[in-house]
Structure formats: C-alpha cells, structure tokens
Amino acid sequence: MKKLSLLLALLLVVSCFVLASCGEEEESSVTETSSTATSSEAASKEESKAESSVVEVESSEEESSVEESSEPEYVKNPDALPTEGNNVAAGKTYEISEQFRMSTETWGYDETFPPSYPDDNYELTDGYVPTNEDAYSAACWMALHQQTPAQTERGYGFIKIDLGEIYEISTIALTTLKDTETGITCPYKLEYMISEDGENWISAGTLDITSELDGLADKSVHVLTGEVDVTARYIEVRVTSYGWAFMGELEVK
C-alpha cells in the first residue's frame, strides 16, 4: 500500500513538472509572437514615415518649381518705337521725390521753409544741357538732398518720367554738377527702374561710380550715362548721393 502511495505521489510530481514546462513554452511563444508583432508594427510605422517624408520632399520641390516658374522673365516689347538716336525725354512731364527745405537760421531741414533749388517741372526735360562755361550762371539746375527726411528713410531720391510711348531704349543720361566746397556731389549710384504701364516695375540696371567719384573733376559738369537694353514708357531714376545732388537734364535715347 505504501508503495502504491509513493508511486502515485511520484506521478503527481512528474505531472506538475510537465505542466509547468508546457506553461513556460506557451508564455515564451506568446512573448515571441508579441515581440514580433511589435517589431512589425514599428517597421510599418517607419516605412509610413519614410513614405510621408518622400511625399513632403516631392511636394516641396514641386512648390519650389511652381514659385520659380511664376516669376516672369523680362521680354522686350516688339512693338516698341525706335528712338533713332533722339532724346525722347525732351519736353516730357515728370515728377521728383520730396525736396530739401533748408532753414536760413539753422541750415538744417525745416518743413516750414520752401523747397531749396526747386524744380519747375521743366529743368530736366527742356533740352538744355548745362556746360562748364555756364554751370554757375544758367538757371537750369534742380536739386535733391540726402538728408531730406523721406529720402533718408527710403535711401534714395527719384525722378519719374512718362515718355508717352513705349520706346526701345539703350542709354539713360543725367547731367550733374560736382562742387565739393559747397557740398554738391555727383550721385554715386543711379538705379534705372522701367515700366510699360506705370504700375509694374523692374530694374534695368544700376550705375555705381562710388570708386570713381573722387576722381571726377571738381567744379565741373558731369554726364552720368547708363547703358541699358530695354523697352519702356515709364522710367524712374533712383538717385543716391552723399549731400546735394544737382541735376540739369535727363536724356533718354
């Protein structure tokens, strides 16, 4: 009887051991399955992110391409009239930026004073080009000043002219005066803005003589000429100077 009891106890222990081993194998299998599923999900998410990134890059490149292509290239108007070497600015109307108003007491800007060296809307297009012989006697000059408040804020003064028709233009010339003792300096930079409708403007180039300015003869008239190759009806010459900028004629050919 004792032997039978011992045998039954031994069988019970073996059964428990077998069941415990099976449970561990099942848990291990479940863990491996869960780990595999998690790894698969992670890989799927990474692939999704990669695909999303590629789509974003492609989309960005497409948008960039659209932006670049949206800027129209300048094309000359084939119907523009030739200047035939004539000054097509002669006799045309124009406007200028704000002029300096100099106080006779402080010699600084004072808005209560009238414009200094005023423009009567004909000095620049009356066809008369001043020379060294009459530079100080001819009443042909108008002037802009660097320290005019609006010009200081903007960085330049301007002359804007309507030619009346769209022309083929190759040169834009501005007659100026240099007299350093009286604070009159030639503009050291001129930028030429052009338009066919008076609303949409593009730059036709810049004449920068900063490095040559000191070498220009003093107490002399100088004609600053910019070479361009455009068609336009409206021209805005942006004038940048160190002090007074005296101008006597604007020529467009």
C-alpha atoms as a PDB file:
ATOM      1  CA  MET A   1       0.000   0.000   0.000  1.00  0.00           C
ATOM      2  CA  LYS A   2       2.826   2.343   0.877  1.00  0.00           C
ATOM      3  CA  LYS A   3       4.494   1.554  -2.448  1.00  0.00           C
ATOM      4  CA  LEU A   4       1.327   2.436  -4.302  1.00  0.00           C
ATOM      5  CA  SER A   5       1.022   5.738  -2.441  1.00  0.00           C
ATOM      6  CA  LEU A   6       4.642   6.549  -3.203  1.00  0.00           C
ATOM      7  CA  LEU A   7       4.140   5.760  -6.870  1.00  0.00           C
ATOM      8  CA  LEU A   8       1.080   7.990  -7.069  1.00  0.00           C
ATOM      9  CA  ALA A   9       2.976  10.848  -5.412  1.00  0.00           C
ATOM     10  CA  LEU A  10       5.829  10.418  -7.869  1.00  0.00           C
ATOM     11  CA  LEU A  11       3.409  10.518 -10.818  1.00  0.00           C
ATOM     12  CA  LEU A  12       1.819  13.687  -9.415  1.00  0.00           C
ATOM     13  CA  VAL A  13       5.197  15.412  -9.162  1.00  0.00           C
ATOM     14  CA  VAL A  14       6.091  14.433 -12.725  1.00  0.00           C
ATOM     15  CA  SER A  15       2.726  15.690 -13.998  1.00  0.00           C
ATOM     16  CA  CYS A  16       3.201  19.064 -12.292  1.00  0.00           C
ATOM     17  CA  PHE A  17       6.677  19.374 -13.769  1.00  0.00           C
ATOM     18  CA  VAL A  18       5.367  18.619 -17.272  1.00  0.00           C
ATOM     19  CA  LEU A  19       2.519  21.092 -16.945  1.00  0.00           C
ATOM     20  CA  ALA A  20       4.902  23.799 -15.668  1.00  0.00           C
ATOM     21  CA  SER A  21       7.233  23.214 -18.638  1.00  0.00           C
ATOM     22  CA  CYS A  22       4.339  23.489 -21.097  1.00  0.00           C
ATOM     23  CA  GLY A  23       3.213  26.744 -19.483  1.00  0.00           C
ATOM     24  CA  GLU A  24       6.684  28.274 -19.840  1.00  0.00           C
ATOM     25  CA  GLU A  25       6.837  27.266 -23.507  1.00  0.00           C
ATOM     26  CA  GLU A  26       3.432  28.826 -24.153  1.00  0.00           C
ATOM     27  CA  GLU A  27       4.448  32.048 -22.379  1.00  0.00           C
ATOM     28  CA  SER A  28       7.691  32.154 -24.378  1.00  0.00           C
ATOM     29  CA  SER A  29       5.742  31.630 -27.588  1.00  0.00           C
ATOM     30  CA  VAL A  30       3.290  34.364 -26.665  1.00  0.00           C
ATOM     31  CA  THR A  31       6.148  36.721 -25.790  1.00  0.00           C
ATOM     32  CA  GLU A  32       7.943  35.980 -29.061  1.00  0.00           C
ATOM     33  CA  THR A  33       4.713  36.478 -31.005  1.00  0.00           C
ATOM     34  CA  SER A  34       4.020  39.772 -29.222  1.00  0.00           C
ATOM     35  CA  SER A  35       7.591  40.923 -29.821  1.00  0.00           C
ATOM     36  CA  THR A  36       7.358  40.001 -33.487  1.00  0.00           C
ATOM     37  CA  ALA A  37       4.051  41.854 -33.838  1.00  0.00           C
ATOM     38  CA  THR A  38       5.514  44.930 -32.112  1.00  0.00           C
ATOM     39  CA  SER A  39       8.584  44.886 -34.372  1.00  0.00           C
ATOM     40  CA  SER A  40       6.335  44.533 -37.409  1.00  0.00           C
ATOM     41  CA  GLU A  41       4.189  47.470 -36.305  1.00  0.00           C
ATOM     42  CA  ALA A  42       7.287  49.601 -35.684  1.00  0.00           C
ATOM     43  CA  ALA A  43       8.694  48.727 -39.088  1.00  0.00           C
ATOM     44  CA  SER A  44       5.364  49.558 -40.686  1.00  0.00           C
ATOM     45  CA  LYS A  45       5.308  52.927 -38.936  1.00  0.00           C
ATOM     46  CA  GLU A  46       8.895  53.690 -40.018  1.00  0.00           C
ATOM     47  CA  GLU A  47       8.032  52.810 -43.614  1.00  0.00           C
ATOM     48  CA  SER A  48       4.960  55.034 -43.384  1.00  0.00           C
ATOM     49  CA  LYS A  49       7.087  57.901 -42.043  1.00  0.00           C
ATOM     50  CA  ALA A  50       9.648  57.398 -44.796  1.00  0.00           C
ATOM     51  CA  GLU A  51       6.927  57.426 -47.450  1.00  0.00           C
ATOM     52  CA  SER A  52       5.415  60.559 -45.869  1.00  0.00           C
ATOM     53  CA  SER A  53       8.838  62.223 -45.861  1.00  0.00           C
ATOM     54  CA  VAL A  54       9.346  61.413 -49.527  1.00  0.00           C
ATOM     55  CA  VAL A  55       5.934  62.834 -50.353  1.00  0.00           C
ATOM     56  CA  GLU A  56       6.727  66.021 -48.407  1.00  0.00           C
ATOM     57  CA  VAL A  57      10.060  66.427 -50.201  1.00  0.00           C
ATOM     58  CA  GLU A  58       8.459  65.866 -53.577  1.00  0.00           C
ATOM     59  CA  SER A  59       5.679  68.296 -52.681  1.00  0.00           C
ATOM     60  CA  SER A  60       8.227  70.897 -51.537  1.00  0.00           C
ATOM     61  CA  GLU A  61      10.191  70.503 -54.776  1.00  0.00           C
ATOM     62  CA  GLU A  62       7.005  70.885 -56.796  1.00  0.00           C
ATOM     63  CA  GLU A  63       6.026  74.060 -54.879  1.00  0.00           C
ATOM     64  CA  SER A  64       9.542  75.470 -55.340  1.00  0.00           C
ATOM     65  CA  SER A  65       9.359  74.738 -59.047  1.00  0.00           C
ATOM     66  CA  VAL A  66       5.993  76.493 -59.262  1.00  0.00           C
ATOM     67  CA  GLU A  67       7.334  79.537 -57.391  1.00  0.00           C
ATOM     68  CA  GLU A  68      10.375  79.786 -59.658  1.00  0.00           C
ATOM     69  CA  SER A  69       8.324  79.461 -62.808  1.00  0.00           C
ATOM     70  CA  SER A  70       5.771  82.019 -61.556  1.00  0.00           C
ATOM     71  CA  GLU A  71       8.307  84.856 -61.910  1.00  0.00           C
ATOM     72  CA  PRO A  72       8.017  86.082 -65.487  1.00  0.00           C
ATOM     73  CA  GLU A  73      11.195  86.719 -67.433  1.00  0.00           C
ATOM     74  CA  TYR A  74      11.661  90.181 -68.907  1.00  0.00           C
ATOM     75  CA  VAL A  75      10.841  90.270 -72.608  1.00  0.00           C
ATOM     76  CA  LYS A  76      11.270  93.385 -74.734  1.00  0.00           C
ATOM     77  CA  ASN A  77       8.154  94.714 -76.434  1.00  0.00           C
ATOM     78  CA  PRO A  78       8.483  94.002 -80.171  1.00  0.00           C
ATOM     79  CA  ASP A  79       6.142  96.903 -80.970  1.00  0.00           C
ATOM     80  CA  ALA A  80       8.305  99.499 -79.193  1.00  0.00           C
ATOM     81  CA  LEU A  81       9.228 102.588 -81.193  1.00  0.00           C
ATOM     82  CA  PRO A  82      12.898 103.271 -82.011  1.00  0.00           C
ATOM     83  CA  THR A  83      14.383 106.453 -80.587  1.00  0.00           C
ATOM     84  CA  GLU A  84      16.544 106.876 -83.717  1.00  0.00           C
ATOM     85  CA  GLY A  85      19.183 108.493 -81.535  1.00  0.00           C
ATOM     86  CA  ASN A  86      16.847 111.264 -80.365  1.00  0.00           C
ATOM     87  CA  ASN A  87      16.273 112.289 -76.759  1.00  0.00           C
ATOM     88  CA  VAL A  88      12.686 111.064 -76.290  1.00  0.00           C
ATOM     89  CA  ALA A  89      12.553 112.593 -72.791  1.00  0.00           C
ATOM     90  CA  ALA A  90      12.735 116.158 -74.161  1.00  0.00           C
ATOM     91  CA  GLY A  91       9.603 118.138 -73.338  1.00  0.00           C
ATOM     92  CA  LYS A  92       8.009 115.263 -71.387  1.00  0.00           C
ATOM     93  CA  THR A  93       6.355 115.628 -67.997  1.00  0.00           C
ATOM     94  CA  TYR A  94       7.927 114.091 -64.906  1.00  0.00           C
ATOM     95  CA  GLU A  95       7.792 114.097 -61.131  1.00  0.00           C
ATOM     96  CA  ILE A  96      10.506 114.090 -58.482  1.00  0.00           C
ATOM     97  CA  SER A  97      10.742 112.989 -54.872  1.00  0.00           C
ATOM     98  CA  GLU A  98      10.465 115.364 -51.935  1.00  0.00           C
ATOM     99  CA  GLN A  99      12.951 118.247 -51.946  1.00  0.00           C
ATOM    100  CA  PHE A 100      15.016 119.577 -49.079  1.00  0.00           C
ATOM    101  CA  ARG A 101      13.630 122.595 -47.210  1.00  0.00           C
ATOM    102  CA  MET A 102      16.578 124.423 -45.721  1.00  0.00           C
ATOM    103  CA  SER A 103      16.248 126.798 -42.791  1.00  0.00           C
ATOM    104  CA  THR A 104      18.137 130.074 -43.251  1.00  0.00           C
ATOM    105  CA  GLU A 105      18.695 130.106 -39.498  1.00  0.00           C
ATOM    106  CA  THR A 106      19.950 126.586 -38.743  1.00  0.00           C
ATOM    107  CA  TRP A 107      20.828 125.465 -42.294  1.00  0.00           C
ATOM    108  CA  GLY A 108      19.097 122.205 -41.433  1.00  0.00           C
ATOM    109  CA  TYR A 109      15.794 120.792 -42.632  1.00  0.00           C
ATOM    110  CA  ASP A 110      12.693 122.778 -41.724  1.00  0.00           C
ATOM    111  CA  GLU A 111       9.352 121.855 -43.282  1.00  0.00           C
ATOM    112  CA  THR A 112       8.087 125.425 -42.818  1.00  0.00           C
ATOM    113  CA  PHE A 113      10.548 126.690 -45.446  1.00  0.00           C
ATOM    114  CA  PRO A 114      10.027 126.407 -49.217  1.00  0.00           C
ATOM    115  CA  PRO A 115      11.938 123.788 -51.253  1.00  0.00           C
ATOM    116  CA  SER A 116      15.591 124.619 -51.863  1.00  0.00           C
ATOM    117  CA  TYR A 117      16.642 124.731 -55.523  1.00  0.00           C
ATOM    118  CA  PRO A 118      13.058 123.924 -56.554  1.00  0.00           C
ATOM    119  CA  ASP A 119      12.049 122.104 -59.690  1.00  0.00           C
ATOM    120  CA  ASP A 120       9.549 123.780 -62.018  1.00  0.00           C
ATOM    121  CA  ASN A 121       8.871 120.581 -63.945  1.00  0.00           C
ATOM    122  CA  TYR A 122      10.881 121.607 -66.956  1.00  0.00           C
ATOM    123  CA  GLU A 123      14.561 121.910 -65.915  1.00  0.00           C
ATOM    124  CA  LEU A 124      15.203 118.234 -66.586  1.00  0.00           C
ATOM    125  CA  THR A 125      13.436 117.977 -69.946  1.00  0.00           C
ATOM    126  CA  ASP A 126      13.803 121.431 -71.535  1.00  0.00           C
ATOM    127  CA  GLY A 127      16.510 120.111 -73.856  1.00  0.00           C
ATOM    128  CA  TYR A 128      19.187 122.373 -72.407  1.00  0.00           C
ATOM    129  CA  VAL A 129      22.339 120.618 -71.199  1.00  0.00           C
ATOM    130  CA  PRO A 130      24.481 122.839 -68.954  1.00  0.00           C
ATOM    131  CA  THR A 131      28.232 123.046 -69.537  1.00  0.00           C
ATOM    132  CA  ASN A 132      31.262 124.136 -67.527  1.00  0.00           C
ATOM    133  CA  GLU A 133      31.034 127.597 -69.112  1.00  0.00           C
ATOM    134  CA  ASP A 134      27.558 128.320 -67.739  1.00  0.00           C
ATOM    135  CA  ALA A 135      27.418 125.899 -64.818  1.00  0.00           C
ATOM    136  CA  TYR A 136      27.083 128.720 -62.269  1.00  0.00           C
ATOM    137  CA  SER A 137      25.087 131.192 -64.310  1.00  0.00           C
ATOM    138  CA  ALA A 138      22.389 129.128 -66.015  1.00  0.00           C
ATOM    139  CA  ALA A 139      19.128 128.699 -64.134  1.00  0.00           C
ATOM    140  CA  CYS A 140      18.896 125.093 -65.198  1.00  0.00           C
ATOM    141  CA  TRP A 141      19.526 123.171 -62.003  1.00  0.00           C
ATOM    142  CA  MET A 142      17.199 121.420 -59.594  1.00  0.00           C
ATOM    143  CA  ALA A 143      18.447 119.565 -56.537  1.00  0.00           C
ATOM    144  CA  LEU A 144      17.716 116.672 -54.214  1.00  0.00           C
ATOM    145  CA  HIS A 145      19.399 116.237 -50.836  1.00  0.00           C
ATOM    146  CA  GLN A 146      20.404 113.114 -48.971  1.00  0.00           C
ATOM    147  CA  GLN A 147      19.066 114.409 -45.640  1.00  0.00           C
ATOM    148  CA  THR A 148      15.512 115.057 -46.769  1.00  0.00           C
ATOM    149  CA  PRO A 149      13.523 113.011 -44.190  1.00  0.00           C
ATOM    150  CA  ALA A 150      11.599 110.895 -46.715  1.00  0.00           C
ATOM    151  CA  GLN A 151      14.743 110.290 -48.765  1.00  0.00           C
ATOM    152  CA  THR A 152      16.715 109.296 -45.675  1.00  0.00           C
ATOM    153  CA  GLU A 153      14.055 106.746 -44.785  1.00  0.00           C
ATOM    154  CA  ARG A 154      13.776 105.397 -48.330  1.00  0.00           C
ATOM    155  CA  GLY A 155      17.507 105.529 -49.095  1.00  0.00           C
ATOM    156  CA  TYR A 156      17.249 107.441 -52.385  1.00  0.00           C
ATOM    157  CA  GLY A 157      15.520 110.268 -54.219  1.00  0.00           C
ATOM    158  CA  PHE A 158      13.908 109.727 -57.590  1.00  0.00           C
ATOM    159  CA  ILE A 159      12.947 111.215 -60.942  1.00  0.00           C
ATOM    160  CA  LYS A 160       9.993 109.539 -62.637  1.00  0.00           C
ATOM    161  CA  ILE A 161       9.159 110.327 -66.251  1.00  0.00           C
ATOM    162  CA  ASP A 162       6.423 109.343 -68.707  1.00  0.00           C
ATOM    163  CA  LEU A 163       7.771 109.134 -72.275  1.00  0.00           C
ATOM    164  CA  GLY A 164       4.257 108.971 -73.729  1.00  0.00           C
ATOM    165  CA  GLU A 165       5.016 105.894 -75.868  1.00  0.00           C
ATOM    166  CA  ILE A 166       6.879 102.610 -75.426  1.00  0.00           C
ATOM    167  CA  TYR A 167      10.391 103.059 -76.836  1.00  0.00           C
ATOM    168  CA  GLU A 168      13.465 100.954 -77.462  1.00  0.00           C
ATOM    169  CA  ILE A 169      15.982 102.448 -75.027  1.00  0.00           C
ATOM    170  CA  SER A 170      19.745 101.989 -74.985  1.00  0.00           C
ATOM    171  CA  THR A 171      21.022 104.868 -72.807  1.00  0.00           C
ATOM    172  CA  ILE A 172      19.773 106.971 -69.891  1.00  0.00           C
ATOM    173  CA  ALA A 173      21.915 110.030 -69.095  1.00  0.00           C
ATOM    174  CA  LEU A 174      21.723 112.512 -66.227  1.00  0.00           C
ATOM    175  CA  THR A 175      23.692 115.800 -66.209  1.00  0.00           C
ATOM    176  CA  THR A 176      25.096 116.608 -62.764  1.00  0.00           C
ATOM    177  CA  LEU A 177      27.452 119.047 -61.046  1.00  0.00           C
ATOM    178  CA  LYS A 178      30.329 118.493 -58.637  1.00  0.00           C
ATOM    179  CA  ASP A 179      31.481 121.250 -56.282  1.00  0.00           C
ATOM    180  CA  THR A 180      32.740 119.749 -53.039  1.00  0.00           C
ATOM    181  CA  GLU A 181      33.370 123.115 -51.335  1.00  0.00           C
ATOM    182  CA  THR A 182      29.654 123.850 -51.353  1.00  0.00           C
ATOM    183  CA  GLY A 183      28.595 120.275 -50.547  1.00  0.00           C
ATOM    184  CA  ILE A 184      27.445 119.472 -54.099  1.00  0.00           C
ATOM    185  CA  THR A 185      28.423 115.933 -55.087  1.00  0.00           C
ATOM    186  CA  CYS A 186      27.573 113.885 -58.138  1.00  0.00           C
ATOM    187  CA  PRO A 187      25.232 110.985 -57.347  1.00  0.00           C
ATOM    188  CA  TYR A 188      27.372 107.927 -56.681  1.00  0.00           C
ATOM    189  CA  LYS A 189      24.648 105.478 -57.643  1.00  0.00           C
ATOM    190  CA  LEU A 190      21.784 105.565 -60.138  1.00  0.00           C
ATOM    191  CA  GLU A 191      19.321 102.700 -60.495  1.00  0.00           C
ATOM    192  CA  TYR A 192      17.056 102.599 -63.544  1.00  0.00           C
ATOM    193  CA  MET A 193      13.556 101.244 -62.969  1.00  0.00           C
ATOM    194  CA  ILE A 194      11.345 100.720 -66.025  1.00  0.00           C
ATOM    195  CA  SER A 195       7.672 100.015 -66.692  1.00  0.00           C
ATOM    196  CA  GLU A 196       5.268  99.851 -69.609  1.00  0.00           C
ATOM    197  CA  ASP A 197       2.090 100.530 -67.608  1.00  0.00           C
ATOM    198  CA  GLY A 198       3.333 102.701 -64.726  1.00  0.00           C
ATOM    199  CA  GLU A 199       2.385 100.036 -62.175  1.00  0.00           C
ATOM    200  CA  ASN A 200       4.647  97.033 -62.707  1.00  0.00           C
ATOM    201  CA  TRP A 201       8.310  97.955 -62.382  1.00  0.00           C
ATOM    202  CA  ILE A 202      11.568  96.063 -62.865  1.00  0.00           C
ATOM    203  CA  SER A 203      15.181  97.157 -62.562  1.00  0.00           C
ATOM    204  CA  ALA A 204      17.009  97.770 -65.831  1.00  0.00           C
ATOM    205  CA  GLY A 205      20.381  98.027 -64.103  1.00  0.00           C
ATOM    206  CA  THR A 206      22.499 100.213 -61.830  1.00  0.00           C
ATOM    207  CA  LEU A 207      25.294 102.687 -62.492  1.00  0.00           C
ATOM    208  CA  ASP A 208      27.612 102.733 -59.476  1.00  0.00           C
ATOM    209  CA  ILE A 209      30.537 105.188 -59.593  1.00  0.00           C
ATOM    210  CA  THR A 210      31.437 105.087 -55.900  1.00  0.00           C
ATOM    211  CA  SER A 211      35.046 104.165 -56.646  1.00  0.00           C
ATOM    212  CA  GLU A 212      35.380 106.778 -59.421  1.00  0.00           C
ATOM    213  CA  LEU A 213      33.615 109.636 -57.630  1.00  0.00           C
ATOM    214  CA  ASP A 214      36.710 111.183 -56.021  1.00  0.00           C
ATOM    215  CA  GLY A 215      38.493 111.149 -59.366  1.00  0.00           C
ATOM    216  CA  LEU A 216      35.881 113.285 -61.130  1.00  0.00           C
ATOM    217  CA  ALA A 217      36.969 116.870 -61.772  1.00  0.00           C
ATOM    218  CA  ASP A 218      35.740 119.355 -59.177  1.00  0.00           C
ATOM    219  CA  LYS A 219      33.690 122.445 -60.037  1.00  0.00           C
ATOM    220  CA  SER A 220      32.699 120.673 -63.219  1.00  0.00           C
ATOM    221  CA  VAL A 221      29.650 119.329 -65.033  1.00  0.00           C
ATOM    222  CA  HIS A 222      29.491 115.568 -65.498  1.00  0.00           C
ATOM    223  CA  VAL A 223      27.080 113.481 -67.560  1.00  0.00           C
ATOM    224  CA  LEU A 224      26.410 110.117 -65.934  1.00  0.00           C
ATOM    225  CA  THR A 225      25.311 107.671 -68.621  1.00  0.00           C
ATOM    226  CA  GLY A 226      23.870 104.219 -68.014  1.00  0.00           C
ATOM    227  CA  GLU A 227      23.845 101.627 -70.772  1.00  0.00           C
ATOM    228  CA  VAL A 228      20.589  99.636 -70.953  1.00  0.00           C
ATOM    229  CA  ASP A 229      18.811  97.445 -73.477  1.00  0.00           C
ATOM    230  CA  VAL A 230      15.095  97.654 -72.715  1.00  0.00           C
ATOM    231  CA  THR A 231      11.693  98.793 -73.933  1.00  0.00           C
ATOM    232  CA  ALA A 232       9.673 101.070 -71.681  1.00  0.00           C
ATOM    233  CA  ARG A 233       7.299 104.003 -71.445  1.00  0.00           C
ATOM    234  CA  TYR A 234       7.943 104.947 -67.813  1.00  0.00           C
ATOM    235  CA  ILE A 235      11.377 105.384 -66.279  1.00  0.00           C
ATOM    236  CA  GLU A 236      12.261 106.024 -62.655  1.00  0.00           C
ATOM    237  CA  VAL A 237      15.849 107.037 -61.942  1.00  0.00           C
ATOM    238  CA  ARG A 238      16.693 106.392 -58.289  1.00  0.00           C
ATOM    239  CA  VAL A 239      19.362 108.836 -57.146  1.00  0.00           C
ATOM    240  CA  THR A 240      21.718 108.137 -54.237  1.00  0.00           C
ATOM    241  CA  SER A 241      24.170 110.858 -53.142  1.00  0.00           C
ATOM    242  CA  TYR A 242      26.222 111.998 -50.157  1.00  0.00           C
ATOM    243  CA  GLY A 243      24.798 115.537 -49.990  1.00  0.00           C
ATOM    244  CA  TRP A 244      23.301 117.886 -52.550  1.00  0.00           C
ATOM    245  CA  ALA A 245      22.711 116.288 -55.941  1.00  0.00           C
ATOM    246  CA  PHE A 246      22.385 118.971 -58.617  1.00  0.00           C
ATOM    247  CA  MET A 247      20.814 117.791 -61.877  1.00  0.00           C
ATOM    248  CA  GLY A 248      20.311 119.748 -65.081  1.00  0.00           C
ATOM    249  CA  GLU A 249      18.987 117.375 -67.785  1.00  0.00           C
ATOM    250  CA  LEU A 250      17.647 113.856 -68.164  1.00  0.00           C
ATOM    251  CA  GLU A 251      18.166 112.283 -71.583  1.00  0.00           C
ATOM    252  CA  VAL A 252      16.684 109.003 -72.792  1.00  0.00           C
ATOM    253  CA  LYS A 253      17.841 107.607 -76.153  1.00  0.00           C
END
